Amino acid sequence: MQATPEFADLRRRLRRFVFPMSAAFLVWYLVYVLLASYAPSFMSIKVFGNINVGLIIGLLQFVSTFVITTVYVRYANRHLDPAAEQIREQIEGAA
C-alpha cells in the first residue's frame, strides 16, 4: 500500500503542511530566545503597567501554538482525513 500513488499523495500533503509550519514555529521560538538573550533592554520595554515586550512575546508563543493546532486540524479535516479514509477503505475492502 505504501507504494501506491494515493499513499504517496497523502504523505506529500502531510509533509507539505508539517515541515513549513514546524520550521516557521521553530524560527519564531528561536527569535524569542535570541531576543531574550541578546536584547534584554528591548524585551524589558514596558508596554503598560508591569507588562513588558518580553511577556507579550512569551504569551504569543502559547497563542501561536493554539493557532497552529487549529490550522492543522482544519487542514487535516479537509485534505488529509478524506484521503486517509479512502486508503483505509481500499485496504479493508481488499482484506
PDB file of N, CA and C in Angstrom:
ATOM      1  N   MET A   1       0.821  -1.199   0.000  1.00  0.00           N
ATOM      2  CA  MET A   1       0.000   0.000   0.000  1.00  0.00           C
ATOM      3  C   MET A   1       0.863   1.260   0.000  1.00  0.00           C
ATOM      4  N   GLN A   2       2.011   1.186   0.649  1.00  0.00           N
ATOM      5  CA  GLN A   2       2.863   2.377   0.719  1.00  0.00           C
ATOM      6  C   GLN A   2       3.389   2.808  -0.640  1.00  0.00           C
ATOM      7  N   ALA A   3       3.409   1.913  -1.584  1.00  0.00           N
ATOM      8  CA  ALA A   3       3.927   2.231  -2.913  1.00  0.00           C
ATOM      9  C   ALA A   3       2.858   2.806  -3.836  1.00  0.00           C
ATOM     10  N   THR A   4       1.617   2.868  -3.395  1.00  0.00           N
ATOM     11  CA  THR A   4       0.539   3.363  -4.252  1.00  0.00           C
ATOM     12  C   THR A   4       0.624   4.873  -4.408  1.00  0.00           C
ATOM     13  N   PRO A   5       0.145   5.396  -5.525  1.00  0.00           N
ATOM     14  CA  PRO A   5       0.147   6.854  -5.726  1.00  0.00           C
ATOM     15  C   PRO A   5      -0.735   7.585  -4.710  1.00  0.00           C
ATOM     16  N   GLU A   6      -1.808   6.956  -4.268  1.00  0.00           N
ATOM     17  CA  GLU A   6      -2.691   7.599  -3.278  1.00  0.00           C
ATOM     18  C   GLU A   6      -1.974   7.818  -1.951  1.00  0.00           C
ATOM     19  N   PHE A   7      -1.218   6.802  -1.520  1.00  0.00           N
ATOM     20  CA  PHE A   7      -0.490   6.931  -0.260  1.00  0.00           C
ATOM     21  C   PHE A   7       0.632   7.957  -0.390  1.00  0.00           C
ATOM     22  N   ALA A   8       1.316   7.945  -1.527  1.00  0.00           N
ATOM     23  CA  ALA A   8       2.385   8.924  -1.756  1.00  0.00           C
ATOM     24  C   ALA A   8       1.821  10.341  -1.760  1.00  0.00           C
ATOM     25  N   ASP A   9       0.634  10.517  -2.333  1.00  0.00           N
ATOM     26  CA  ASP A   9      -0.005  11.830  -2.345  1.00  0.00           C
ATOM     27  C   ASP A   9      -0.382  12.275  -0.931  1.00  0.00           C
ATOM     28  N   LEU A  10      -0.894  11.344  -0.142  1.00  0.00           N
ATOM     29  CA  LEU A  10      -1.248  11.654   1.249  1.00  0.00           C
ATOM     30  C   LEU A  10      -0.001  12.060   2.032  1.00  0.00           C
ATOM     31  N   ARG A  11       1.057  11.314   1.868  1.00  0.00           N
ATOM     32  CA  ARG A  11       2.306  11.626   2.568  1.00  0.00           C
ATOM     33  C   ARG A  11       2.853  12.986   2.123  1.00  0.00           C
ATOM     34  N   ARG A  12       2.749  13.279   0.818  1.00  0.00           N
ATOM     35  CA  ARG A  12       3.216  14.569   0.291  1.00  0.00           C
ATOM     36  C   ARG A  12       2.395  15.717   0.856  1.00  0.00           C
ATOM     37  N   ARG A  13       1.082  15.538   0.940  1.00  0.00           N
ATOM     38  CA  ARG A  13       0.217  16.583   1.506  1.00  0.00           C
ATOM     39  C   ARG A  13       0.564  16.851   2.966  1.00  0.00           C
ATOM     40  N   LEU A  14       0.796  15.780   3.718  1.00  0.00           N
ATOM     41  CA  LEU A  14       1.152  15.940   5.131  1.00  0.00           C
ATOM     42  C   LEU A  14       2.476  16.684   5.268  1.00  0.00           C
ATOM     43  N   ARG A  15       3.469  16.263   4.527  1.00  0.00           N
ATOM     44  CA  ARG A  15       4.781  16.899   4.618  1.00  0.00           C
ATOM     45  C   ARG A  15       4.761  18.345   4.141  1.00  0.00           C
ATOM     46  N   ARG A  16       3.935  18.616   3.123  1.00  0.00           N
ATOM     47  CA  ARG A  16       3.848  19.980   2.593  1.00  0.00           C
ATOM     48  C   ARG A  16       3.304  20.945   3.650  1.00  0.00           C
ATOM     49  N   PHE A  17       2.517  20.441   4.575  1.00  0.00           N
ATOM     50  CA  PHE A  17       1.994  21.290   5.646  1.00  0.00           C
ATOM     51  C   PHE A  17       2.924  21.280   6.863  1.00  0.00           C
ATOM     52  N   VAL A  18       3.315  20.093   7.302  1.00  0.00           N
ATOM     53  CA  VAL A  18       4.015  19.956   8.582  1.00  0.00           C
ATOM     54  C   VAL A  18       5.408  20.583   8.564  1.00  0.00           C
ATOM     55  N   PHE A  19       6.182  20.336   7.528  1.00  0.00           N
ATOM     56  CA  PHE A  19       7.550  20.841   7.527  1.00  0.00           C
ATOM     57  C   PHE A  19       7.629  22.374   7.516  1.00  0.00           C
ATOM     58  N   PRO A  20       6.908  23.065   6.631  1.00  0.00           N
ATOM     59  CA  PRO A  20       6.979  24.537   6.686  1.00  0.00           C
ATOM     60  C   PRO A  20       6.419  25.119   7.989  1.00  0.00           C
ATOM     61  N   MET A  21       5.335  24.527   8.493  1.00  0.00           N
ATOM     62  CA  MET A  21       4.746  25.042   9.735  1.00  0.00           C
ATOM     63  C   MET A  21       5.695  24.811  10.911  1.00  0.00           C
ATOM     64  N   SER A  22       6.340  23.669  10.952  1.00  0.00           N
ATOM     65  CA  SER A  22       7.304  23.389  12.021  1.00  0.00           C
ATOM     66  C   SER A  22       8.496  24.339  11.931  1.00  0.00           C
ATOM     67  N   ALA A  23       8.985  24.555  10.723  1.00  0.00           N
ATOM     68  CA  ALA A  23      10.116  25.471  10.547  1.00  0.00           C
ATOM     69  C   ALA A  23       9.736  26.889  10.975  1.00  0.00           C
ATOM     70  N   ALA A  24       8.543  27.334  10.600  1.00  0.00           N
ATOM     71  CA  ALA A  24       8.098  28.685  10.971  1.00  0.00           C
ATOM     72  C   ALA A  24       8.000  28.817  12.487  1.00  0.00           C
ATOM     73  N   PHE A  25       7.441  27.808  13.145  1.00  0.00           N
ATOM     74  CA  PHE A  25       7.323  27.890  14.597  1.00  0.00           C
ATOM     75  C   PHE A  25       8.687  27.865  15.268  1.00  0.00           C
ATOM     76  N   LEU A  26       9.594  27.032  14.779  1.00  0.00           N
ATOM     77  CA  LEU A  26      10.922  26.976  15.378  1.00  0.00           C
ATOM     78  C   LEU A  26      11.678  28.291  15.201  1.00  0.00           C
ATOM     79  N   VAL A  27      11.530  28.921  14.043  1.00  0.00           N
ATOM     80  CA  VAL A  27      12.156  30.229  13.825  1.00  0.00           C
ATOM     81  C   VAL A  27      11.554  31.259  14.770  1.00  0.00           C
ATOM     82  N   TRP A  28      10.230  31.249  14.919  1.00  0.00           N
ATOM     83  CA  TRP A  28       9.526  32.161  15.829  1.00  0.00           C
ATOM     84  C   TRP A  28      10.028  31.965  17.251  1.00  0.00           C
ATOM     85  N   TYR A  29      10.170  30.726  17.683  1.00  0.00           N
ATOM     86  CA  TYR A  29      10.658  30.440  19.033  1.00  0.00           C
ATOM     87  C   TYR A  29      12.116  30.870  19.178  1.00  0.00           C
ATOM     88  N   LEU A  30      12.939  30.599  18.158  1.00  0.00           N
ATOM     89  CA  LEU A  30      14.343  30.981  18.202  1.00  0.00           C
ATOM     90  C   LEU A  30      14.503  32.497  18.295  1.00  0.00           C
ATOM     91  N   VAL A  31      13.674  33.230  17.572  1.00  0.00           N
ATOM     92  CA  VAL A  31      13.711  34.696  17.646  1.00  0.00           C
ATOM     93  C   VAL A  31      13.435  35.153  19.080  1.00  0.00           C
ATOM     94  N   TYR A  32      12.448  34.519  19.718  1.00  0.00           N
ATOM     95  CA  TYR A  32      12.123  34.863  21.107  1.00  0.00           C
ATOM     96  C   TYR A  32      13.325  34.606  22.022  1.00  0.00           C
ATOM     97  N   VAL A  33      13.946  33.442  21.885  1.00  0.00           N
ATOM     98  CA  VAL A  33      15.089  33.099  22.730  1.00  0.00           C
ATOM     99  C   VAL A  33      16.258  34.053  22.465  1.00  0.00           C
ATOM    100  N   LEU A  34      16.510  34.349  21.200  1.00  0.00           N
ATOM    101  CA  LEU A  34      17.610  35.262  20.875  1.00  0.00           C
ATOM    102  C   LEU A  34      17.354  36.669  21.396  1.00  0.00           C
ATOM    103  N   LEU A  35      16.120  37.127  21.267  1.00  0.00           N
ATOM    104  CA  LEU A  35      15.792  38.451  21.819  1.00  0.00           C
ATOM    105  C   LEU A  35      15.970  38.470  23.335  1.00  0.00           C
ATOM    106  N   ALA A  36      15.534  37.411  23.995  1.00  0.00           N
ATOM    107  CA  ALA A  36      15.680  37.343  25.454  1.00  0.00           C
ATOM    108  C   ALA A  36      17.159  37.320  25.852  1.00  0.00           C
ATOM    109  N   SER A  37      17.975  36.682  25.033  1.00  0.00           N
ATOM    110  CA  SER A  37      19.398  36.560  25.367  1.00  0.00           C
ATOM    111  C   SER A  37      20.221  37.789  24.989  1.00  0.00           C
ATOM    112  N   TYR A  38      19.943  38.345  23.807  1.00  0.00           N
ATOM    113  CA  TYR A  38      20.816  39.388  23.276  1.00  0.00           C
ATOM    114  C   TYR A  38      20.188  40.786  23.239  1.00  0.00           C
ATOM    115  N   ALA A  39      18.902  40.880  23.525  1.00  0.00           N
ATOM    116  CA  ALA A  39      18.259  42.194  23.528  1.00  0.00           C
ATOM    117  C   ALA A  39      17.382  42.366  24.764  1.00  0.00           C
ATOM    118  N   PRO A  40      17.979  42.191  25.940  1.00  0.00           N
ATOM    119  CA  PRO A  40      17.163  42.302  27.158  1.00  0.00           C
ATOM    120  C   PRO A  40      16.577  43.698  27.353  1.00  0.00           C
ATOM    121  N   SER A  41      17.257  44.708  26.857  1.00  0.00           N
ATOM    122  CA  SER A  41      16.708  46.066  27.006  1.00  0.00           C
ATOM    123  C   SER A  41      15.440  46.225  26.166  1.00  0.00           C
ATOM    124  N   PHE A  42      15.410  45.600  25.000  1.00  0.00           N
ATOM    125  CA  PHE A  42      14.193  45.632  24.177  1.00  0.00           C
ATOM    126  C   PHE A  42      13.069  44.834  24.846  1.00  0.00           C
ATOM    127  N   MET A  43      13.413  43.672  25.347  1.00  0.00           N
ATOM    128  CA  MET A  43      12.397  42.804  25.956  1.00  0.00           C
ATOM    129  C   MET A  43      11.832  43.416  27.243  1.00  0.00           C
ATOM    130  N   SER A  44      12.590  44.288  27.884  1.00  0.00           N
ATOM    131  CA  SER A  44      12.129  44.867  29.147  1.00  0.00           C
ATOM    132  C   SER A  44      11.369  46.178  28.971  1.00  0.00           C
ATOM    133  N   ILE A  45      11.134  46.585  27.736  1.00  0.00           N
ATOM    134  CA  ILE A  45      10.371  47.817  27.498  1.00  0.00           C
ATOM    135  C   ILE A  45       8.954  47.627  28.028  1.00  0.00           C
ATOM    136  N   LYS A  46       8.546  48.535  28.873  1.00  0.00           N
ATOM    137  CA  LYS A  46       7.196  48.463  29.455  1.00  0.00           C
ATOM    138  C   LYS A  46       6.174  48.913  28.422  1.00  0.00           C
ATOM    139  N   VAL A  47       5.136  48.108  28.263  1.00  0.00           N
ATOM    140  CA  VAL A  47       4.061  48.434  27.329  1.00  0.00           C
ATOM    141  C   VAL A  47       2.949  49.137  28.092  1.00  0.00           C
ATOM    142  N   PHE A  48       2.525  48.537  29.183  1.00  0.00           N
ATOM    143  CA  PHE A  48       1.591  49.173  30.106  1.00  0.00           C
ATOM    144  C   PHE A  48       1.680  48.464  31.448  1.00  0.00           C
ATOM    145  N   GLY A  49       1.673  49.241  32.504  1.00  0.00           N
ATOM    146  CA  GLY A  49       1.809  48.675  33.846  1.00  0.00           C
ATOM    147  C   GLY A  49       3.100  47.873  33.963  1.00  0.00           C
ATOM    148  N   ASN A  50       2.967  46.661  34.501  1.00  0.00           N
ATOM    149  CA  ASN A  50       4.122  45.772  34.624  1.00  0.00           C
ATOM    150  C   ASN A  50       4.265  44.827  33.438  1.00  0.00           C
ATOM    151  N   ILE A  51       3.526  45.057  32.397  1.00  0.00           N
ATOM    152  CA  ILE A  51       3.564  44.222  31.200  1.00  0.00           C
ATOM    153  C   ILE A  51       4.638  44.769  30.261  1.00  0.00           C
ATOM    154  N   ASN A  52       5.611  43.907  29.917  1.00  0.00           N
ATOM    155  CA  ASN A  52       6.674  44.347  29.006  1.00  0.00           C
ATOM    156  C   ASN A  52       6.634  43.536  27.712  1.00  0.00           C
ATOM    157  N   VAL A  53       7.484  43.925  26.774  1.00  0.00           N
ATOM    158  CA  VAL A  53       7.521  43.290  25.456  1.00  0.00           C
ATOM    159  C   VAL A  53       7.837  41.798  25.588  1.00  0.00           C
ATOM    160  N   GLY A  54       8.755  41.436  26.453  1.00  0.00           N
ATOM    161  CA  GLY A  54       9.122  40.029  26.637  1.00  0.00           C
ATOM    162  C   GLY A  54       7.950  39.173  27.076  1.00  0.00           C
ATOM    163  N   LEU A  55       7.156  39.688  27.992  1.00  0.00           N
ATOM    164  CA  LEU A  55       5.985  38.949  28.464  1.00  0.00           C
ATOM    165  C   LEU A  55       4.965  38.777  27.344  1.00  0.00           C
ATOM    166  N   ILE A  56       4.758  39.815  26.583  1.00  0.00           N
ATOM    167  CA  ILE A  56       3.789  39.731  25.477  1.00  0.00           C
ATOM    168  C   ILE A  56       4.257  38.721  24.432  1.00  0.00           C
ATOM    169  N   ILE A  57       5.524  38.784  24.053  1.00  0.00           N
ATOM    170  CA  ILE A  57       6.044  37.836  23.065  1.00  0.00           C
ATOM    171  C   ILE A  57       5.994  36.406  23.630  1.00  0.00           C
ATOM    172  N   GLY A  58       6.309  36.256  24.892  1.00  0.00           N
ATOM    173  CA  GLY A  58       6.239  34.933  25.525  1.00  0.00           C
ATOM    174  C   GLY A  58       4.828  34.371  25.509  1.00  0.00           C
ATOM    175  N   LEU A  59       3.848  35.203  25.813  1.00  0.00           N
ATOM    176  CA  LEU A  59       2.457  34.750  25.768  1.00  0.00           C
ATOM    177  C   LEU A  59       2.011  34.457  24.340  1.00  0.00           C
ATOM    178  N   LEU A  60       2.552  35.201  23.388  1.00  0.00           N
ATOM    179  CA  LEU A  60       2.233  34.936  21.982  1.00  0.00           C
ATOM    180  C   LEU A  60       2.758  33.574  21.527  1.00  0.00           C
ATOM    181  N   GLN A  61       3.768  33.049  22.202  1.00  0.00           N
ATOM    182  CA  GLN A  61       4.239  31.694  21.904  1.00  0.00           C
ATOM    183  C   GLN A  61       3.109  30.687  22.149  1.00  0.00           C
ATOM    184  N   PHE A  62       2.391  30.859  23.253  1.00  0.00           N
ATOM    185  CA  PHE A  62       1.258  29.975  23.550  1.00  0.00           C
ATOM    186  C   PHE A  62       0.141  30.164  22.532  1.00  0.00           C
ATOM    187  N   VAL A  63      -0.143  31.411  22.216  1.00  0.00           N
ATOM    188  CA  VAL A  63      -1.212  31.703  21.255  1.00  0.00           C
ATOM    189  C   VAL A  63      -0.872  31.079  19.905  1.00  0.00           C
ATOM    190  N   SER A  64       0.368  31.217  19.467  1.00  0.00           N
ATOM    191  CA  SER A  64       0.750  30.657  18.166  1.00  0.00           C
ATOM    192  C   SER A  64       0.644  29.138  18.167  1.00  0.00           C
ATOM    193  N   THR A  65       0.911  28.496  19.299  1.00  0.00           N
ATOM    194  CA  THR A  65       0.760  27.046  19.388  1.00  0.00           C
ATOM    195  C   THR A  65      -0.685  26.644  19.163  1.00  0.00           C
ATOM    196  N   PHE A  66      -1.619  27.347  19.794  1.00  0.00           N
ATOM    197  CA  PHE A  66      -3.034  27.037  19.615  1.00  0.00           C
ATOM    198  C   PHE A  66      -3.497  27.343  18.199  1.00  0.00           C
ATOM    199  N   VAL A  67      -2.989  28.419  17.613  1.00  0.00           N
ATOM    200  CA  VAL A  67      -3.355  28.767  16.235  1.00  0.00           C
ATOM    201  C   VAL A  67      -2.852  27.697  15.272  1.00  0.00           C
ATOM    202  N   ILE A  68      -1.618  27.271  15.434  1.00  0.00           N
ATOM    203  CA  ILE A  68      -1.065  26.232  14.566  1.00  0.00           C
ATOM    204  C   ILE A  68      -1.868  24.943  14.700  1.00  0.00           C
ATOM    205  N   THR A  69      -2.236  24.590  15.922  1.00  0.00           N
ATOM    206  CA  THR A  69      -3.035  23.379  16.130  1.00  0.00           C
ATOM    207  C   THR A  69      -4.378  23.488  15.431  1.00  0.00           C
ATOM    208  N   THR A  70      -5.032  24.625  15.554  1.00  0.00           N
ATOM    209  CA  THR A  70      -6.325  24.832  14.906  1.00  0.00           C
ATOM    210  C   THR A  70      -6.201  24.764  13.387  1.00  0.00           C
ATOM    211  N   VAL A  71      -5.185  25.410  12.850  1.00  0.00           N
ATOM    212  CA  VAL A  71      -4.972  25.395  11.400  1.00  0.00           C
ATOM    213  C   VAL A  71      -4.688  23.973  10.929  1.00  0.00           C
ATOM    214  N   TYR A  72      -3.885  23.224  11.684  1.00  0.00           N
ATOM    215  CA  TYR A  72      -3.591  21.844  11.298  1.00  0.00           C
ATOM    216  C   TYR A  72      -4.847  20.978  11.314  1.00  0.00           C
ATOM    217  N   VAL A  73      -5.664  21.113  12.334  1.00  0.00           N
ATOM    218  CA  VAL A  73      -6.894  20.317  12.412  1.00  0.00           C
ATOM    219  C   VAL A  73      -7.792  20.614  11.216  1.00  0.00           C
ATOM    220  N   ARG A  74      -7.936  21.859  10.877  1.00  0.00           N
ATOM    221  CA  ARG A  74      -8.750  22.216   9.709  1.00  0.00           C
ATOM    222  C   ARG A  74      -8.152  21.654   8.421  1.00  0.00           C
ATOM    223  N   TYR A  75      -6.839  21.764   8.283  1.00  0.00           N
ATOM    224  CA  TYR A  75      -6.171  21.234   7.097  1.00  0.00           C
ATOM    225  C   TYR A  75      -6.352  19.717   7.017  1.00  0.00           C
ATOM    226  N   ALA A  76      -6.160  19.048   8.143  1.00  0.00           N
ATOM    227  CA  ALA A  76      -6.309  17.587   8.164  1.00  0.00           C
ATOM    228  C   ALA A  76      -7.738  17.183   7.835  1.00  0.00           C
ATOM    229  N   ASN A  77      -8.702  17.884   8.402  1.00  0.00           N
ATOM    230  CA  ASN A  77     -10.107  17.548   8.131  1.00  0.00           C
ATOM    231  C   ASN A  77     -10.455  17.713   6.657  1.00  0.00           C
ATOM    232  N   ARG A  78      -9.876  18.694   6.005  1.00  0.00           N
ATOM    233  CA  ARG A  78     -10.202  18.964   4.595  1.00  0.00           C
ATOM    234  C   ARG A  78      -9.370  18.153   3.616  1.00  0.00           C
ATOM    235  N   HIS A  79      -8.086  17.952   3.911  1.00  0.00           N
ATOM    236  CA  HIS A  79      -7.178  17.399   2.908  1.00  0.00           C
ATOM    237  C   HIS A  79      -6.623  16.019   3.252  1.00  0.00           C
ATOM    238  N   LEU A  80      -6.357  15.763   4.525  1.00  0.00           N
ATOM    239  CA  LEU A  80      -5.701  14.510   4.882  1.00  0.00           C
ATOM    240  C   LEU A  80      -6.693  13.404   5.228  1.00  0.00           C
ATOM    241  N   ASP A  81      -7.670  13.719   6.058  1.00  0.00           N
ATOM    242  CA  ASP A  81      -8.606  12.691   6.517  1.00  0.00           C
ATOM    243  C   ASP A  81      -9.411  12.046   5.396  1.00  0.00           C
ATOM    244  N   PRO A  82      -9.937  12.815   4.427  1.00  0.00           N
ATOM    245  CA  PRO A  82     -10.669  12.147   3.342  1.00  0.00           C
ATOM    246  C   PRO A  82      -9.786  11.182   2.541  1.00  0.00           C
ATOM    247  N   ALA A  83      -8.552  11.583   2.280  1.00  0.00           N
ATOM    248  CA  ALA A  83      -7.636  10.711   1.536  1.00  0.00           C
ATOM    249  C   ALA A  83      -7.268   9.482   2.362  1.00  0.00           C
ATOM    250  N   ALA A  84      -7.029   9.678   3.648  1.00  0.00           N
ATOM    251  CA  ALA A  84      -6.700   8.552   4.524  1.00  0.00           C
ATOM    252  C   ALA A  84      -7.886   7.594   4.632  1.00  0.00           C
ATOM    253  N   GLU A  85      -9.074   8.140   4.708  1.00  0.00           N
ATOM    254  CA  GLU A  85     -10.287   7.311   4.769  1.00  0.00           C
ATOM    255  C   GLU A  85     -10.430   6.480   3.491  1.00  0.00           C
ATOM    256  N   GLN A  86     -10.159   7.081   2.374  1.00  0.00           N
ATOM    257  CA  GLN A  86     -10.243   6.364   1.096  1.00  0.00           C
ATOM    258  C   GLN A  86      -9.218   5.230   1.044  1.00  0.00           C
ATOM    259  N   ILE A  87      -8.026   5.482   1.501  1.00  0.00           N
ATOM    260  CA  ILE A  87      -6.983   4.442   1.531  1.00  0.00           C
ATOM    261  C   ILE A  87      -7.391   3.326   2.487  1.00  0.00           C
ATOM    262  N   ARG A  88      -7.921   3.707   3.638  1.00  0.00           N
ATOM    263  CA  ARG A  88      -8.361   2.702   4.614  1.00  0.00           C
ATOM    264  C   ARG A  88      -9.460   1.818   4.039  1.00  0.00           C
ATOM    265  N   GLU A  89     -10.395   2.435   3.335  1.00  0.00           N
ATOM    266  CA  GLU A  89     -11.472   1.658   2.715  1.00  0.00           C
ATOM    267  C   GLU A  89     -10.930   0.694   1.669  1.00  0.00           C
ATOM    268  N   GLN A  90      -9.913   1.125   0.925  1.00  0.00           N
ATOM    269  CA  GLN A  90      -9.290   0.240  -0.063  1.00  0.00           C
ATOM    270  C   GLN A  90      -8.633  -0.940   0.614  1.00  0.00           C
ATOM    271  N   ILE A  91      -7.948  -0.676   1.722  1.00  0.00           N
ATOM    272  CA  ILE A  91      -7.263  -1.761   2.446  1.00  0.00           C
ATOM    273  C   ILE A  91      -8.281  -2.736   3.030  1.00  0.00           C
ATOM    274  N   GLU A  92      -9.308  -2.210   3.677  1.00  0.00           N
ATOM    275  CA  GLU A  92     -10.309  -3.064   4.300  1.00  0.00           C
ATOM    276  C   GLU A  92     -11.140  -3.811   3.254  1.00  0.00           C
ATOM    277  N   GLY A  93     -11.355  -3.171   2.114  1.00  0.00           N
ATOM    278  CA  GLY A  93     -12.093  -3.833   1.044  1.00  0.00           C
ATOM    279  C   GLY A  93     -11.293  -4.968   0.426  1.00  0.00           C
ATOM    280  N   ALA A  94      -9.973  -4.806   0.418  1.00  0.00           N
ATOM    281  CA  ALA A  94      -9.127  -5.841  -0.168  1.00  0.00           C
ATOM    282  C   ALA A  94      -8.940  -7.023   0.780  1.00  0.00           C
ATOM    283  N   ALA A  95      -9.188  -6.805   2.053  1.00  0.00           N
ATOM    284  CA  ALA A  95      -8.995  -7.871   3.043  1.00  0.00           C
ATOM    285  C   ALA A  95     -10.134  -8.775   3.064  1.00  0.00           C
TER     286      ALA A  95
END
